[in-house]
């Protein structure tokens, strides 16, 4: 793996979870 990809993993270890969480928050607010 390249350094850039490793840095991305460190910055966003779970990109999919980050994308899903806002949707869940929006649904729970209503």
PDB file of N, CA and C in Angstrom:
ATOM      1  N   UNK A   1       0.843  -1.218   0.000  1.00  0.00           N
ATOM      2  CA  UNK A   1       0.000   0.000   0.000  1.00  0.00           C
ATOM      3  C   UNK A   1       0.868   1.253   0.000  1.00  0.00           C
ATOM      4  N   UNK A   2       0.426   2.278  -0.674  1.00  0.00           N
ATOM      5  CA  UNK A   2       1.190   3.521  -0.731  1.00  0.00           C
ATOM      6  C   UNK A   2       0.954   4.336   0.535  1.00  0.00           C
ATOM      7  N   UNK A   3       1.808   5.301   0.780  1.00  0.00           N
ATOM      8  CA  UNK A   3       1.661   6.133   1.981  1.00  0.00           C
ATOM      9  C   UNK A   3       0.350   6.912   1.947  1.00  0.00           C
ATOM     10  N   UNK A   4      -0.023   7.376   0.784  1.00  0.00           N
ATOM     11  CA  UNK A   4      -1.261   8.168   0.662  1.00  0.00           C
ATOM     12  C   UNK A   4      -2.470   7.338   1.077  1.00  0.00           C
ATOM     13  N   UNK A   5      -2.496   6.078   0.649  1.00  0.00           N
ATOM     14  CA  UNK A   5      -3.628   5.211   0.995  1.00  0.00           C
ATOM     15  C   UNK A   5      -3.639   4.934   2.493  1.00  0.00           C
ATOM     16  N   UNK A   6      -2.455   4.747   3.079  1.00  0.00           N
ATOM     17  CA  UNK A   6      -2.374   4.505   4.517  1.00  0.00           C
ATOM     18  C   UNK A   6      -2.847   5.733   5.290  1.00  0.00           C
ATOM     19  N   UNK A   7      -2.463   6.912   4.823  1.00  0.00           N
ATOM     20  CA  UNK A   7      -2.902   8.145   5.482  1.00  0.00           C
ATOM     21  C   UNK A   7      -4.412   8.281   5.386  1.00  0.00           C
ATOM     22  N   UNK A   8      -4.972   7.909   4.271  1.00  0.00           N
ATOM     23  CA  UNK A   8      -6.429   7.983   4.092  1.00  0.00           C
ATOM     24  C   UNK A   8      -7.121   7.037   5.074  1.00  0.00           C
ATOM     25  N   UNK A   9      -6.554   5.849   5.258  1.00  0.00           N
ATOM     26  CA  UNK A   9      -7.140   4.888   6.197  1.00  0.00           C
ATOM     27  C   UNK A   9      -7.066   5.439   7.620  1.00  0.00           C
ATOM     28  N   UNK A  10      -5.957   6.088   7.953  1.00  0.00           N
ATOM     29  CA  UNK A  10      -5.813   6.668   9.291  1.00  0.00           C
ATOM     30  C   UNK A  10      -6.791   7.821   9.479  1.00  0.00           C
ATOM     31  N   UNK A  11      -6.970   8.610   8.434  1.00  0.00           N
ATOM     32  CA  UNK A  11      -7.882   9.749   8.512  1.00  0.00           C
ATOM     33  C   UNK A  11      -9.329   9.262   8.524  1.00  0.00           C
ATOM     34  N   UNK A  12      -9.661   8.312   7.627  1.00  0.00           N
ATOM     35  CA  UNK A  12     -11.034   7.778   7.540  1.00  0.00           C
ATOM     36  C   UNK A  12     -10.985   6.256   7.575  1.00  0.00           C
ATOM     37  N   UNK A  13     -10.874   5.675   8.770  1.00  0.00           N
ATOM     38  CA  UNK A  13     -10.800   4.217   8.876  1.00  0.00           C
ATOM     39  C   UNK A  13     -12.091   3.543   8.428  1.00  0.00           C
ATOM     40  N   UNK A  14     -13.215   4.258   8.599  1.00  0.00           N
ATOM     41  CA  UNK A  14     -14.510   3.688   8.209  1.00  0.00           C
ATOM     42  C   UNK A  14     -15.295   4.705   7.391  1.00  0.00           C
ATOM     43  N   UNK A  15     -14.903   4.936   6.127  1.00  0.00           N
ATOM     44  CA  UNK A  15     -15.598   5.920   5.290  1.00  0.00           C
ATOM     45  C   UNK A  15     -17.064   5.552   5.098  1.00  0.00           C
ATOM     46  N   UNK A  16     -17.349   4.254   4.977  1.00  0.00           N
ATOM     47  CA  UNK A  16     -18.738   3.832   4.769  1.00  0.00           C
ATOM     48  C   UNK A  16     -19.592   4.189   5.985  1.00  0.00           C
ATOM     49  N   UNK A  17     -19.053   3.977   7.181  1.00  0.00           N
ATOM     50  CA  UNK A  17     -19.807   4.296   8.398  1.00  0.00           C
ATOM     51  C   UNK A  17     -20.080   5.800   8.468  1.00  0.00           C
ATOM     52  N   UNK A  18     -19.086   6.598   8.096  1.00  0.00           N
ATOM     53  CA  UNK A  18     -19.265   8.064   8.137  1.00  0.00           C
ATOM     54  C   UNK A  18     -20.380   8.482   7.195  1.00  0.00           C
ATOM     55  N   UNK A  19     -20.467   7.816   6.052  1.00  0.00           N
ATOM     56  CA  UNK A  19     -21.510   8.171   5.078  1.00  0.00           C
ATOM     57  C   UNK A  19     -22.886   7.735   5.583  1.00  0.00           C
ATOM     58  N   UNK A  20     -22.938   6.619   6.329  1.00  0.00           N
ATOM     59  CA  UNK A  20     -24.222   6.100   6.807  1.00  0.00           C
ATOM     60  C   UNK A  20     -24.714   6.868   8.037  1.00  0.00           C
ATOM     61  N   UNK A  21     -23.798   7.281   8.904  1.00  0.00           N
ATOM     62  CA  UNK A  21     -24.196   7.924  10.160  1.00  0.00           C
ATOM     63  C   UNK A  21     -25.060   9.168   9.965  1.00  0.00           C
ATOM     64  N   UNK A  22     -24.721  10.075   9.035  1.00  0.00           N
ATOM     65  CA  UNK A  22     -25.547  11.271   8.853  1.00  0.00           C
ATOM     66  C   UNK A  22     -26.979  10.907   8.466  1.00  0.00           C
ATOM     67  N   UNK A  23     -27.132   9.889   7.620  1.00  0.00           N
ATOM     68  CA  UNK A  23     -28.473   9.463   7.209  1.00  0.00           C
ATOM     69  C   UNK A  23     -29.261   8.958   8.420  1.00  0.00           C
ATOM     70  N   UNK A  24     -28.591   8.200   9.287  1.00  0.00           N
ATOM     71  CA  UNK A  24     -29.260   7.672  10.487  1.00  0.00           C
ATOM     72  C   UNK A  24     -29.662   8.831  11.397  1.00  0.00           C
ATOM     73  N   UNK A  25     -28.768   9.803  11.551  1.00  0.00           N
ATOM     74  CA  UNK A  25     -29.064  10.968  12.400  1.00  0.00           C
ATOM     75  C   UNK A  25     -30.282  11.717  11.870  1.00  0.00           C
ATOM     76  N   UNK A  26     -30.356  11.878  10.564  1.00  0.00           N
ATOM     77  CA  UNK A  26     -31.479  12.603   9.951  1.00  0.00           C
ATOM     78  C   UNK A  26     -32.789  11.841  10.223  1.00  0.00           C
ATOM     79  N   UNK A  27     -32.738  10.527  10.100  1.00  0.00           N
ATOM     80  CA  UNK A  27     -33.955   9.735  10.302  1.00  0.00           C
ATOM     81  C   UNK A  27     -34.376   9.767  11.773  1.00  0.00           C
ATOM     82  N   UNK A  28     -33.413   9.725  12.680  1.00  0.00           N
ATOM     83  CA  UNK A  28     -33.743   9.714  14.111  1.00  0.00           C
ATOM     84  C   UNK A  28     -34.305  11.064  14.546  1.00  0.00           C
ATOM     85  N   UNK A  29     -33.861  12.150  13.915  1.00  0.00           N
ATOM     86  CA  UNK A  29     -34.347  13.481  14.290  1.00  0.00           C
ATOM     87  C   UNK A  29     -35.836  13.624  13.997  1.00  0.00           C
ATOM     88  N   UNK A  30     -36.307  13.034  12.912  1.00  0.00           N
ATOM     89  CA  UNK A  30     -37.720  13.191  12.533  1.00  0.00           C
ATOM     90  C   UNK A  30     -38.624  12.346  13.409  1.00  0.00           C
TER      91      UNK A  30
END
